Amino acid sequence: MDECRTTVRVRYVETDQMGVVHHSAYLAWMEVARTEYLRQHGLAYRELEESGTRMPVLQVHVQYLRPARYDDEVELLARLADSSAVRFRFEYEMVRRGDGALLCRGYTEHAATDLQGRPRRLPRDLFALIGGRS
């Protein structure tokens, strides 16, 4: 399965009073991984929007397994798990680089819309570029 890997280092601002990464930071990391996936497939998200297409999040699922802490280096994995011409599902895993511990996994589901938020089909070449399957 086609996937993208990128790395983030936990910043202090991403931690809570207990010294662990706040649950909301994982959602931002999913976005980092997803936009890197698109970039590595030849399409910056900015270009997607300039073409008149947006991919709003319809659903998010996150399973927190182990805590990440300040200054941990976390590898983000994203893969396009399912797609049609109008809907997408990205899956994610977040792994601590120091010990290989799986910290979190989840998915996001998206719809393709025009700039006014109306559902639309992706242009065929764009669909193929990101690894779409009919």
N, C-alpha and C. Protein backbone atom coordinates (compact mmCIF):
# COMPACT_ATOMS: atom_id res chain seq x y z
N MET A 1 0.85 -1.19 0.00
CA MET A 1 0.00 0.00 0.00
C MET A 1 0.89 1.24 0.00
N ASP A 2 0.53 2.21 -0.80
CA ASP A 2 1.27 3.46 -0.92
C ASP A 2 1.13 4.27 0.37
N GLU A 3 2.27 4.76 0.89
CA GLU A 3 2.22 5.54 2.12
C GLU A 3 3.27 6.63 2.11
N CYS A 4 3.10 7.56 3.03
CA CYS A 4 4.02 8.68 3.20
C CYS A 4 4.48 8.69 4.65
N ARG A 5 5.75 8.99 4.85
CA ARG A 5 6.28 9.11 6.21
C ARG A 5 6.94 10.48 6.36
N THR A 6 6.70 11.10 7.49
CA THR A 6 7.34 12.36 7.84
C THR A 6 7.51 12.37 9.35
N THR A 7 8.30 13.29 9.86
CA THR A 7 8.63 13.31 11.29
C THR A 7 8.34 14.67 11.89
N VAL A 8 7.87 14.66 13.14
CA VAL A 8 7.71 15.88 13.93
C VAL A 8 8.42 15.66 15.26
N ARG A 9 8.86 16.75 15.86
CA ARG A 9 9.41 16.71 17.22
C ARG A 9 8.40 17.41 18.11
N VAL A 10 8.04 16.76 19.22
CA VAL A 10 7.03 17.31 20.12
C VAL A 10 7.53 18.62 20.71
N ARG A 11 6.74 19.67 20.52
CA ARG A 11 7.04 20.98 21.08
C ARG A 11 6.39 21.10 22.46
N TYR A 12 6.97 21.92 23.30
CA TYR A 12 6.45 22.10 24.65
C TYR A 12 4.99 22.55 24.63
N VAL A 13 4.64 23.41 23.69
CA VAL A 13 3.28 23.93 23.60
C VAL A 13 2.26 22.82 23.32
N GLU A 14 2.70 21.68 22.81
CA GLU A 14 1.79 20.57 22.50
C GLU A 14 1.53 19.67 23.71
N THR A 15 2.18 19.94 24.83
CA THR A 15 2.01 19.10 26.01
C THR A 15 1.02 19.73 26.99
N ASP A 16 0.45 18.89 27.83
CA ASP A 16 -0.50 19.38 28.83
C ASP A 16 0.15 19.41 30.21
N GLN A 17 -0.63 19.69 31.22
CA GLN A 17 -0.11 19.82 32.58
C GLN A 17 0.49 18.51 33.09
N MET A 18 0.09 17.38 32.50
CA MET A 18 0.63 16.09 32.92
C MET A 18 1.95 15.77 32.23
N GLY A 19 2.37 16.67 31.33
CA GLY A 19 3.64 16.46 30.64
C GLY A 19 3.57 15.57 29.42
N VAL A 20 2.37 15.27 28.97
CA VAL A 20 2.22 14.43 27.78
C VAL A 20 1.58 15.26 26.67
N VAL A 21 1.70 14.78 25.45
CA VAL A 21 1.09 15.49 24.32
C VAL A 21 -0.42 15.52 24.48
N HIS A 22 -0.97 16.72 24.34
CA HIS A 22 -2.42 16.89 24.44
C HIS A 22 -3.08 16.16 23.27
N HIS A 23 -4.23 15.58 23.54
CA HIS A 23 -4.90 14.78 22.51
C HIS A 23 -5.15 15.54 21.21
N SER A 24 -5.35 16.85 21.28
CA SER A 24 -5.64 17.62 20.07
C SER A 24 -4.45 17.72 19.12
N ALA A 25 -3.23 17.59 19.65
CA ALA A 25 -2.04 17.69 18.79
C ALA A 25 -2.01 16.59 17.74
N TYR A 26 -2.56 15.43 18.07
CA TYR A 26 -2.56 14.32 17.12
C TYR A 26 -3.36 14.65 15.87
N LEU A 27 -4.43 15.45 16.03
CA LEU A 27 -5.22 15.86 14.86
C LEU A 27 -4.41 16.77 13.95
N ALA A 28 -3.64 17.67 14.53
CA ALA A 28 -2.77 18.53 13.72
C ALA A 28 -1.71 17.69 13.02
N TRP A 29 -1.19 16.68 13.71
CA TRP A 29 -0.18 15.82 13.08
C TRP A 29 -0.78 15.01 11.93
N MET A 30 -2.05 14.63 12.05
CA MET A 30 -2.71 13.95 10.94
C MET A 30 -2.74 14.86 9.72
N GLU A 31 -3.01 16.14 9.95
CA GLU A 31 -3.03 17.09 8.84
C GLU A 31 -1.65 17.25 8.23
N VAL A 32 -0.62 17.30 9.06
CA VAL A 32 0.75 17.37 8.55
C VAL A 32 1.03 16.16 7.66
N ALA A 33 0.68 14.98 8.14
CA ALA A 33 0.94 13.75 7.38
C ALA A 33 0.15 13.73 6.08
N ARG A 34 -1.10 14.16 6.12
CA ARG A 34 -1.96 14.16 4.93
C ARG A 34 -1.44 15.14 3.88
N THR A 35 -1.06 16.34 4.29
CA THR A 35 -0.56 17.30 3.31
C THR A 35 0.80 16.87 2.75
N GLU A 36 1.60 16.20 3.57
CA GLU A 36 2.86 15.65 3.05
C GLU A 36 2.59 14.54 2.05
N TYR A 37 1.60 13.72 2.31
CA TYR A 37 1.21 12.67 1.36
C TYR A 37 0.90 13.29 0.00
N LEU A 38 0.07 14.32 0.02
CA LEU A 38 -0.29 14.99 -1.24
C LEU A 38 0.95 15.59 -1.90
N ARG A 39 1.80 16.26 -1.12
CA ARG A 39 3.01 16.88 -1.67
C ARG A 39 3.92 15.82 -2.30
N GLN A 40 4.10 14.69 -1.61
CA GLN A 40 4.96 13.63 -2.15
C GLN A 40 4.36 12.97 -3.39
N HIS A 41 3.08 13.17 -3.60
CA HIS A 41 2.44 12.66 -4.81
C HIS A 41 2.31 13.75 -5.87
N GLY A 42 3.04 14.83 -5.69
CA GLY A 42 3.12 15.87 -6.71
C GLY A 42 2.07 16.95 -6.63
N LEU A 43 1.40 17.06 -5.48
CA LEU A 43 0.33 18.05 -5.38
C LEU A 43 0.35 18.72 -4.01
N ALA A 44 0.73 19.97 -3.97
CA ALA A 44 0.63 20.73 -2.72
C ALA A 44 -0.84 21.05 -2.48
N TYR A 45 -1.26 21.04 -1.23
CA TYR A 45 -2.67 21.31 -0.91
C TYR A 45 -3.09 22.67 -1.45
N ARG A 46 -2.18 23.61 -1.44
CA ARG A 46 -2.47 24.93 -2.00
C ARG A 46 -2.90 24.81 -3.46
N GLU A 47 -2.20 23.97 -4.23
CA GLU A 47 -2.55 23.77 -5.63
C GLU A 47 -3.94 23.13 -5.77
N LEU A 48 -4.26 22.24 -4.86
CA LEU A 48 -5.57 21.60 -4.88
C LEU A 48 -6.66 22.66 -4.73
N GLU A 49 -6.48 23.56 -3.76
CA GLU A 49 -7.45 24.63 -3.56
C GLU A 49 -7.48 25.59 -4.75
N GLU A 50 -6.30 25.89 -5.31
CA GLU A 50 -6.26 26.77 -6.48
C GLU A 50 -6.97 26.17 -7.68
N SER A 51 -7.05 24.83 -7.72
CA SER A 51 -7.77 24.17 -8.82
C SER A 51 -9.28 24.18 -8.58
N GLY A 52 -9.71 24.73 -7.43
CA GLY A 52 -11.13 24.82 -7.14
C GLY A 52 -11.67 23.68 -6.30
N THR A 53 -10.79 22.91 -5.67
CA THR A 53 -11.21 21.75 -4.89
C THR A 53 -10.74 21.87 -3.45
N ARG A 54 -11.59 21.49 -2.54
CA ARG A 54 -11.24 21.38 -1.13
C ARG A 54 -11.59 19.98 -0.66
N MET A 55 -10.98 19.56 0.43
CA MET A 55 -11.23 18.23 0.99
C MET A 55 -11.55 18.35 2.48
N PRO A 56 -12.73 18.87 2.85
CA PRO A 56 -13.05 19.02 4.27
C PRO A 56 -13.13 17.66 4.97
N VAL A 57 -12.82 17.68 6.26
CA VAL A 57 -12.90 16.48 7.09
C VAL A 57 -14.36 16.23 7.44
N LEU A 58 -14.83 15.01 7.18
CA LEU A 58 -16.20 14.62 7.53
C LEU A 58 -16.23 13.84 8.84
N GLN A 59 -15.16 13.10 9.10
CA GLN A 59 -15.12 12.24 10.27
C GLN A 59 -13.68 12.03 10.69
N VAL A 60 -13.47 11.93 12.00
CA VAL A 60 -12.14 11.64 12.56
C VAL A 60 -12.29 10.53 13.58
N HIS A 61 -11.37 9.59 13.54
CA HIS A 61 -11.31 8.56 14.59
C HIS A 61 -9.85 8.50 15.04
N VAL A 62 -9.66 8.52 16.36
CA VAL A 62 -8.31 8.46 16.93
C VAL A 62 -8.29 7.43 18.04
N GLN A 63 -7.31 6.56 18.01
CA GLN A 63 -7.10 5.61 19.09
C GLN A 63 -5.75 5.93 19.73
N TYR A 64 -5.78 6.40 20.97
CA TYR A 64 -4.56 6.76 21.70
C TYR A 64 -4.05 5.52 22.42
N LEU A 65 -2.81 5.14 22.16
CA LEU A 65 -2.27 3.89 22.71
C LEU A 65 -1.22 4.12 23.80
N ARG A 66 -0.30 5.05 23.55
CA ARG A 66 0.75 5.39 24.51
C ARG A 66 1.00 6.89 24.43
N PRO A 67 1.46 7.49 25.52
CA PRO A 67 1.69 8.94 25.48
C PRO A 67 3.00 9.31 24.79
N ALA A 68 2.97 10.43 24.11
CA ALA A 68 4.20 11.07 23.62
C ALA A 68 4.50 12.19 24.59
N ARG A 69 5.77 12.54 24.71
CA ARG A 69 6.19 13.58 25.66
C ARG A 69 7.06 14.61 24.96
N TYR A 70 7.24 15.73 25.64
CA TYR A 70 8.05 16.82 25.11
C TYR A 70 9.38 16.30 24.57
N ASP A 71 9.74 16.78 23.38
CA ASP A 71 10.99 16.52 22.68
C ASP A 71 11.08 15.13 22.06
N ASP A 72 10.06 14.29 22.22
CA ASP A 72 10.05 13.02 21.49
C ASP A 72 10.04 13.31 20.00
N GLU A 73 10.70 12.47 19.25
CA GLU A 73 10.62 12.53 17.79
C GLU A 73 9.58 11.49 17.38
N VAL A 74 8.57 11.95 16.64
CA VAL A 74 7.45 11.09 16.28
C VAL A 74 7.38 10.96 14.76
N GLU A 75 7.37 9.72 14.29
CA GLU A 75 7.22 9.47 12.86
C GLU A 75 5.73 9.35 12.55
N LEU A 76 5.30 10.11 11.55
CA LEU A 76 3.91 10.11 11.13
C LEU A 76 3.80 9.33 9.82
N LEU A 77 2.90 8.39 9.78
CA LEU A 77 2.66 7.62 8.57
C LEU A 77 1.24 7.92 8.10
N ALA A 78 1.09 8.19 6.83
CA ALA A 78 -0.24 8.41 6.24
C ALA A 78 -0.36 7.56 4.99
N ARG A 79 -1.55 7.01 4.81
CA ARG A 79 -1.82 6.25 3.58
C ARG A 79 -3.24 6.54 3.14
N LEU A 80 -3.43 6.61 1.84
CA LEU A 80 -4.78 6.75 1.29
C LEU A 80 -5.37 5.35 1.29
N ALA A 81 -6.31 5.10 2.20
CA ALA A 81 -6.82 3.76 2.40
C ALA A 81 -8.00 3.43 1.49
N ASP A 82 -8.77 4.44 1.15
CA ASP A 82 -9.95 4.21 0.34
C ASP A 82 -10.29 5.51 -0.37
N SER A 83 -10.76 5.41 -1.57
CA SER A 83 -11.12 6.64 -2.28
C SER A 83 -12.11 6.36 -3.40
N SER A 84 -12.85 7.37 -3.68
CA SER A 84 -13.71 7.39 -4.86
C SER A 84 -13.49 8.76 -5.48
N ALA A 85 -14.25 9.08 -6.47
CA ALA A 85 -14.07 10.39 -7.12
C ALA A 85 -14.53 11.55 -6.24
N VAL A 86 -15.24 11.26 -5.14
CA VAL A 86 -15.74 12.34 -4.28
C VAL A 86 -15.43 12.15 -2.80
N ARG A 87 -15.02 10.95 -2.37
CA ARG A 87 -14.75 10.70 -0.94
C ARG A 87 -13.39 10.01 -0.77
N PHE A 88 -12.76 10.32 0.38
CA PHE A 88 -11.42 9.79 0.66
C PHE A 88 -11.33 9.37 2.11
N ARG A 89 -10.50 8.39 2.37
CA ARG A 89 -10.20 7.98 3.74
C ARG A 89 -8.69 7.82 3.85
N PHE A 90 -8.10 8.61 4.74
CA PHE A 90 -6.69 8.49 5.05
C PHE A 90 -6.54 7.79 6.39
N GLU A 91 -5.58 6.88 6.49
CA GLU A 91 -5.26 6.22 7.75
C GLU A 91 -3.89 6.69 8.21
N TYR A 92 -3.71 6.71 9.54
CA TYR A 92 -2.48 7.25 10.13
C TYR A 92 -1.97 6.35 11.24
N GLU A 93 -0.65 6.36 11.40
CA GLU A 93 -0.01 5.78 12.57
C GLU A 93 1.06 6.76 13.02
N MET A 94 1.24 6.87 14.32
CA MET A 94 2.27 7.73 14.90
C MET A 94 3.13 6.87 15.81
N VAL A 95 4.44 6.87 15.53
CA VAL A 95 5.38 5.98 16.21
C VAL A 95 6.51 6.81 16.80
N ARG A 96 6.86 6.55 18.07
CA ARG A 96 8.00 7.23 18.68
C ARG A 96 9.28 6.63 18.10
N ARG A 97 10.14 7.49 17.58
CA ARG A 97 11.35 7.01 16.90
C ARG A 97 12.35 6.37 17.86
N GLY A 98 12.42 6.84 19.10
CA GLY A 98 13.40 6.31 20.03
C GLY A 98 13.25 4.83 20.33
N ASP A 99 12.01 4.39 20.57
CA ASP A 99 11.78 2.99 20.95
C ASP A 99 10.83 2.25 20.03
N GLY A 100 10.32 2.92 18.99
CA GLY A 100 9.42 2.26 18.04
C GLY A 100 8.02 2.03 18.57
N ALA A 101 7.66 2.64 19.70
CA ALA A 101 6.34 2.43 20.29
C ALA A 101 5.26 3.07 19.42
N LEU A 102 4.22 2.31 19.13
CA LEU A 102 3.05 2.84 18.43
C LEU A 102 2.26 3.68 19.41
N LEU A 103 2.17 4.98 19.15
CA LEU A 103 1.53 5.91 20.06
C LEU A 103 0.05 6.09 19.77
N CYS A 104 -0.27 6.10 18.50
CA CYS A 104 -1.62 6.48 18.10
C CYS A 104 -1.88 5.95 16.70
N ARG A 105 -3.13 5.65 16.43
CA ARG A 105 -3.55 5.35 15.05
C ARG A 105 -4.95 5.89 14.87
N GLY A 106 -5.30 6.14 13.63
CA GLY A 106 -6.62 6.68 13.38
C GLY A 106 -6.87 6.88 11.90
N TYR A 107 -7.96 7.57 11.61
CA TYR A 107 -8.28 7.86 10.22
C TYR A 107 -9.09 9.15 10.15
N THR A 108 -9.08 9.72 8.95
CA THR A 108 -9.96 10.85 8.64
C THR A 108 -10.68 10.52 7.34
N GLU A 109 -11.93 10.94 7.26
CA GLU A 109 -12.69 10.80 6.02
C GLU A 109 -12.99 12.19 5.50
N HIS A 110 -12.91 12.33 4.18
CA HIS A 110 -13.04 13.63 3.52
C HIS A 110 -13.99 13.53 2.34
N ALA A 111 -14.55 14.67 1.97
CA ALA A 111 -15.32 14.78 0.74
C ALA A 111 -14.64 15.82 -0.14
N ALA A 112 -14.72 15.63 -1.42
CA ALA A 112 -14.26 16.66 -2.36
C ALA A 112 -15.39 17.65 -2.55
N THR A 113 -15.07 18.94 -2.41
CA THR A 113 -16.07 19.98 -2.63
C THR A 113 -15.48 21.08 -3.50
N ASP A 114 -16.37 21.91 -4.02
CA ASP A 114 -15.90 23.11 -4.70
C ASP A 114 -15.63 24.17 -3.63
N LEU A 115 -15.24 25.36 -4.05
CA LEU A 115 -14.88 26.40 -3.10
C LEU A 115 -16.07 26.92 -2.30
N GLN A 116 -17.28 26.63 -2.75
CA GLN A 116 -18.49 27.02 -2.01
C GLN A 116 -18.99 25.91 -1.10
N GLY A 117 -18.28 24.79 -1.06
CA GLY A 117 -18.65 23.69 -0.18
C GLY A 117 -19.62 22.68 -0.78
N ARG A 118 -19.90 22.80 -2.07
CA ARG A 118 -20.79 21.84 -2.73
C ARG A 118 -19.98 20.62 -3.17
N PRO A 119 -20.53 19.42 -3.00
CA PRO A 119 -19.81 18.20 -3.44
C PRO A 119 -19.46 18.30 -4.92
N ARG A 120 -18.29 17.75 -5.24
CA ARG A 120 -17.86 17.72 -6.65
C ARG A 120 -16.99 16.51 -6.87
N ARG A 121 -16.85 16.14 -8.12
CA ARG A 121 -15.93 15.07 -8.49
C ARG A 121 -14.57 15.69 -8.75
N LEU A 122 -13.54 14.95 -8.40
CA LEU A 122 -12.19 15.42 -8.71
C LEU A 122 -11.92 15.24 -10.20
N PRO A 123 -11.16 16.15 -10.80
CA PRO A 123 -10.72 15.91 -12.17
C PRO A 123 -9.95 14.59 -12.24
N ARG A 124 -10.13 13.84 -13.29
CA ARG A 124 -9.56 12.50 -13.43
C ARG A 124 -8.04 12.48 -13.21
N ASP A 125 -7.31 13.46 -13.76
CA ASP A 125 -5.85 13.47 -13.60
C ASP A 125 -5.45 13.71 -12.14
N LEU A 126 -6.18 14.55 -11.46
CA LEU A 126 -5.92 14.82 -10.06
C LEU A 126 -6.23 13.57 -9.22
N PHE A 127 -7.31 12.92 -9.51
CA PHE A 127 -7.71 11.69 -8.82
C PHE A 127 -6.62 10.64 -8.96
N ALA A 128 -6.11 10.46 -10.17
CA ALA A 128 -5.05 9.47 -10.40
C ALA A 128 -3.75 9.86 -9.70
N LEU A 129 -3.46 11.15 -9.65
CA LEU A 129 -2.22 11.64 -9.04
C LEU A 129 -2.10 11.26 -7.57
N ILE A 130 -3.21 11.34 -6.84
CA ILE A 130 -3.13 11.02 -5.41
C ILE A 130 -3.35 9.53 -5.13
N GLY A 131 -3.47 8.73 -6.17
CA GLY A 131 -3.59 7.29 -5.96
C GLY A 131 -5.00 6.81 -5.85
N GLY A 132 -5.93 7.55 -6.42
CA GLY A 132 -7.34 7.18 -6.31
C GLY A 132 -7.66 5.88 -7.03
N ARG A 133 -8.66 5.21 -6.46
CA ARG A 133 -9.16 3.96 -7.04
C ARG A 133 -10.67 4.10 -7.18
N SER A 134 -11.17 3.71 -8.32
CA SER A 134 -12.62 3.79 -8.56
C SER A 134 -13.36 2.70 -7.81
